[in-house]
């Protein structure tokens, strides 16, 4: 099962980097503070997401080995950007910490992207 999950994660990563078009998820049903994010911040968040998150959370955020983090799902569970930022920085359960791998700017950008900037 673990091997299958790893293969699926690699396939998701490979499909993103091979020139395949990124399929944008639908816009969130809930308003979020990401509506105030700049286009540059959203672009940075998308880039970080595709490099660091897609292997566990899938291109559309629906989850592979990680949970579903599409905007409607993540906003139901974590209403504030600060709550999501803490998880990205410090990790939670099987989610690794990214404080040592990403800058504060990158963390803020990927959180804005996940919270609804991809719509």
C-alpha atoms as a PDB file:
ATOM      1  CA  UNK A   1       0.000   0.000   0.000  1.00  0.00           C
ATOM      2  CA  UNK A   2       2.822   2.368   0.896  1.00  0.00           C
ATOM      3  CA  UNK A   3       4.571   1.536  -2.367  1.00  0.00           C
ATOM      4  CA  UNK A   4       1.367   2.246  -4.291  1.00  0.00           C
ATOM      5  CA  UNK A   5       0.991   5.600  -2.520  1.00  0.00           C
ATOM      6  CA  UNK A   6       4.576   6.467  -3.371  1.00  0.00           C
ATOM      7  CA  UNK A   7       4.032   5.557  -7.015  1.00  0.00           C
ATOM      8  CA  UNK A   8       0.885   7.660  -7.157  1.00  0.00           C
ATOM      9  CA  UNK A   9       2.728  10.603  -5.614  1.00  0.00           C
ATOM     10  CA  UNK A  10       5.540  10.290  -8.151  1.00  0.00           C
ATOM     11  CA  UNK A  11       3.046  10.028 -10.985  1.00  0.00           C
ATOM     12  CA  UNK A  12       1.322  13.206  -9.799  1.00  0.00           C
ATOM     13  CA  UNK A  13       4.618  15.050  -9.618  1.00  0.00           C
ATOM     14  CA  UNK A  14       5.724  13.773 -13.013  1.00  0.00           C
ATOM     15  CA  UNK A  15       2.464  14.770 -14.621  1.00  0.00           C
ATOM     16  CA  UNK A  16       2.876  18.333 -13.351  1.00  0.00           C
ATOM     17  CA  UNK A  17       6.427  18.872 -14.497  1.00  0.00           C
ATOM     18  CA  UNK A  18       6.108  17.360 -17.953  1.00  0.00           C
ATOM     19  CA  UNK A  19       4.383  20.320 -19.550  1.00  0.00           C
ATOM     20  CA  UNK A  20       0.920  19.033 -18.705  1.00  0.00           C
ATOM     21  CA  UNK A  21      -1.557  21.836 -18.142  1.00  0.00           C
ATOM     22  CA  UNK A  22      -2.440  22.495 -14.534  1.00  0.00           C
ATOM     23  CA  UNK A  23      -6.160  21.970 -13.990  1.00  0.00           C
ATOM     24  CA  UNK A  24      -7.441  24.756 -11.787  1.00  0.00           C
ATOM     25  CA  UNK A  25      -9.880  23.733  -9.050  1.00  0.00           C
ATOM     26  CA  UNK A  26     -13.186  25.581  -8.784  1.00  0.00           C
ATOM     27  CA  UNK A  27     -13.268  28.817  -6.821  1.00  0.00           C
ATOM     28  CA  UNK A  28     -14.049  28.436  -3.111  1.00  0.00           C
ATOM     29  CA  UNK A  29     -17.606  28.751  -1.864  1.00  0.00           C
ATOM     30  CA  UNK A  30     -16.377  30.584   1.252  1.00  0.00           C
ATOM     31  CA  UNK A  31     -14.733  33.995   1.191  1.00  0.00           C
ATOM     32  CA  UNK A  32     -11.161  33.934   2.438  1.00  0.00           C
ATOM     33  CA  UNK A  33      -8.418  36.378   3.159  1.00  0.00           C
ATOM     34  CA  UNK A  34      -6.696  35.120   0.001  1.00  0.00           C
ATOM     35  CA  UNK A  35      -8.975  37.439  -1.974  1.00  0.00           C
ATOM     36  CA  UNK A  36      -6.615  40.164  -0.745  1.00  0.00           C
ATOM     37  CA  UNK A  37      -3.498  38.339  -1.955  1.00  0.00           C
ATOM     38  CA  UNK A  38      -1.704  39.841  -4.913  1.00  0.00           C
ATOM     39  CA  UNK A  39      -1.474  37.973  -8.210  1.00  0.00           C
ATOM     40  CA  UNK A  40       2.257  37.615  -7.547  1.00  0.00           C
ATOM     41  CA  UNK A  41       1.638  36.017  -4.147  1.00  0.00           C
ATOM     42  CA  UNK A  42      -0.855  33.574  -5.669  1.00  0.00           C
ATOM     43  CA  UNK A  43       1.650  32.722  -8.436  1.00  0.00           C
ATOM     44  CA  UNK A  44       4.340  32.093  -5.815  1.00  0.00           C
ATOM     45  CA  UNK A  45       1.908  29.956  -3.808  1.00  0.00           C
ATOM     46  CA  UNK A  46       1.021  27.909  -6.876  1.00  0.00           C
ATOM     47  CA  UNK A  47       4.701  27.334  -7.650  1.00  0.00           C
ATOM     48  CA  UNK A  48       5.449  26.251  -4.064  1.00  0.00           C
ATOM     49  CA  UNK A  49       2.371  24.020  -4.033  1.00  0.00           C
ATOM     50  CA  UNK A  50       3.379  22.282  -7.261  1.00  0.00           C
ATOM     51  CA  UNK A  51       6.942  21.726  -6.008  1.00  0.00           C
ATOM     52  CA  UNK A  52       6.265  20.793  -2.384  1.00  0.00           C
ATOM     53  CA  UNK A  53       2.645  19.769  -1.798  1.00  0.00           C
ATOM     54  CA  UNK A  54       1.289  17.983  -4.862  1.00  0.00           C
ATOM     55  CA  UNK A  55       2.932  14.657  -3.990  1.00  0.00           C
ATOM     56  CA  UNK A  56       0.734  14.243  -0.913  1.00  0.00           C
ATOM     57  CA  UNK A  57      -2.243  16.496  -1.626  1.00  0.00           C
ATOM     58  CA  UNK A  58      -2.690  15.995  -5.434  1.00  0.00           C
ATOM     59  CA  UNK A  59      -2.731  18.659  -8.109  1.00  0.00           C
ATOM     60  CA  UNK A  60      -6.306  19.664  -7.284  1.00  0.00           C
ATOM     61  CA  UNK A  61      -5.861  19.373  -3.497  1.00  0.00           C
ATOM     62  CA  UNK A  62      -8.120  16.321  -3.236  1.00  0.00           C
ATOM     63  CA  UNK A  63      -5.442  14.289  -1.450  1.00  0.00           C
ATOM     64  CA  UNK A  64      -3.285  11.293  -2.234  1.00  0.00           C
ATOM     65  CA  UNK A  65      -1.669  10.319   1.055  1.00  0.00           C
ATOM     66  CA  UNK A  66      -2.427  13.705   2.614  1.00  0.00           C
ATOM     67  CA  UNK A  67      -5.914  14.999   3.385  1.00  0.00           C
ATOM     68  CA  UNK A  68      -8.211  16.849   1.021  1.00  0.00           C
ATOM     69  CA  UNK A  69      -7.165  20.506   1.161  1.00  0.00           C
ATOM     70  CA  UNK A  70      -9.342  21.970  -1.560  1.00  0.00           C
ATOM     71  CA  UNK A  71     -10.521  25.426  -0.454  1.00  0.00           C
ATOM     72  CA  UNK A  72     -14.023  24.351   0.544  1.00  0.00           C
ATOM     73  CA  UNK A  73     -12.634  21.499   2.674  1.00  0.00           C
ATOM     74  CA  UNK A  74      -9.721  23.361   4.268  1.00  0.00           C
ATOM     75  CA  UNK A  75     -11.872  26.375   5.153  1.00  0.00           C
ATOM     76  CA  UNK A  76     -14.411  24.108   6.870  1.00  0.00           C
ATOM     77  CA  UNK A  77     -11.697  22.720   9.141  1.00  0.00           C
ATOM     78  CA  UNK A  78      -9.342  25.701   9.492  1.00  0.00           C
ATOM     79  CA  UNK A  79     -11.087  29.064   9.304  1.00  0.00           C
ATOM     80  CA  UNK A  80      -7.976  31.163   9.799  1.00  0.00           C
ATOM     81  CA  UNK A  81      -4.864  31.472   7.686  1.00  0.00           C
ATOM     82  CA  UNK A  82      -2.843  31.404  10.915  1.00  0.00           C
ATOM     83  CA  UNK A  83      -4.059  27.883  11.731  1.00  0.00           C
ATOM     84  CA  UNK A  84      -2.965  26.593   8.325  1.00  0.00           C
ATOM     85  CA  UNK A  85       0.328  28.490   8.498  1.00  0.00           C
ATOM     86  CA  UNK A  86       1.104  26.815  11.839  1.00  0.00           C
ATOM     87  CA  UNK A  87       0.558  23.377  10.307  1.00  0.00           C
ATOM     88  CA  UNK A  88       2.739  24.190   7.292  1.00  0.00           C
ATOM     89  CA  UNK A  89       5.493  25.634   9.523  1.00  0.00           C
ATOM     90  CA  UNK A  90       5.462  23.039  12.300  1.00  0.00           C
ATOM     91  CA  UNK A  91       3.855  19.983  10.735  1.00  0.00           C
ATOM     92  CA  UNK A  92       1.030  17.920  12.198  1.00  0.00           C
ATOM     93  CA  UNK A  93       0.783  14.134  12.348  1.00  0.00           C
ATOM     94  CA  UNK A  94       2.294  12.818   9.104  1.00  0.00           C
ATOM     95  CA  UNK A  95       2.528  16.338   7.654  1.00  0.00           C
ATOM     96  CA  UNK A  96       6.204  17.342   7.779  1.00  0.00           C
ATOM     97  CA  UNK A  97       7.331  20.748   8.947  1.00  0.00           C
ATOM     98  CA  UNK A  98       8.309  23.235   6.269  1.00  0.00           C
ATOM     99  CA  UNK A  99       9.740  26.026   8.444  1.00  0.00           C
ATOM    100  CA  UNK A 100      13.239  24.790   7.649  1.00  0.00           C
ATOM    101  CA  UNK A 101      12.501  24.377   3.936  1.00  0.00           C
ATOM    102  CA  UNK A 102      10.413  27.429   2.983  1.00  0.00           C
ATOM    103  CA  UNK A 103      10.698  31.137   3.696  1.00  0.00           C
ATOM    104  CA  UNK A 104       7.941  32.980   5.555  1.00  0.00           C
ATOM    105  CA  UNK A 105       6.974  34.583   2.235  1.00  0.00           C
ATOM    106  CA  UNK A 106       6.658  31.165   0.566  1.00  0.00           C
ATOM    107  CA  UNK A 107       4.598  29.788   3.467  1.00  0.00           C
ATOM    108  CA  UNK A 108       2.255  32.800   3.371  1.00  0.00           C
ATOM    109  CA  UNK A 109       1.912  32.443  -0.404  1.00  0.00           C
ATOM    110  CA  UNK A 110       1.126  28.718  -0.389  1.00  0.00           C
ATOM    111  CA  UNK A 111      -1.441  29.254   2.373  1.00  0.00           C
ATOM    112  CA  UNK A 112      -3.115  32.024   0.343  1.00  0.00           C
ATOM    113  CA  UNK A 113      -3.110  29.716  -2.682  1.00  0.00           C
ATOM    114  CA  UNK A 114      -4.631  26.792  -0.763  1.00  0.00           C
ATOM    115  CA  UNK A 115      -7.222  29.001   0.928  1.00  0.00           C
ATOM    116  CA  UNK A 116      -8.702  30.022  -2.380  1.00  0.00           C
ATOM    117  CA  UNK A 117      -6.227  31.707  -4.641  1.00  0.00           C
ATOM    118  CA  UNK A 118      -6.371  28.887  -7.143  1.00  0.00           C
ATOM    119  CA  UNK A 119      -9.867  29.801  -8.311  1.00  0.00           C
END
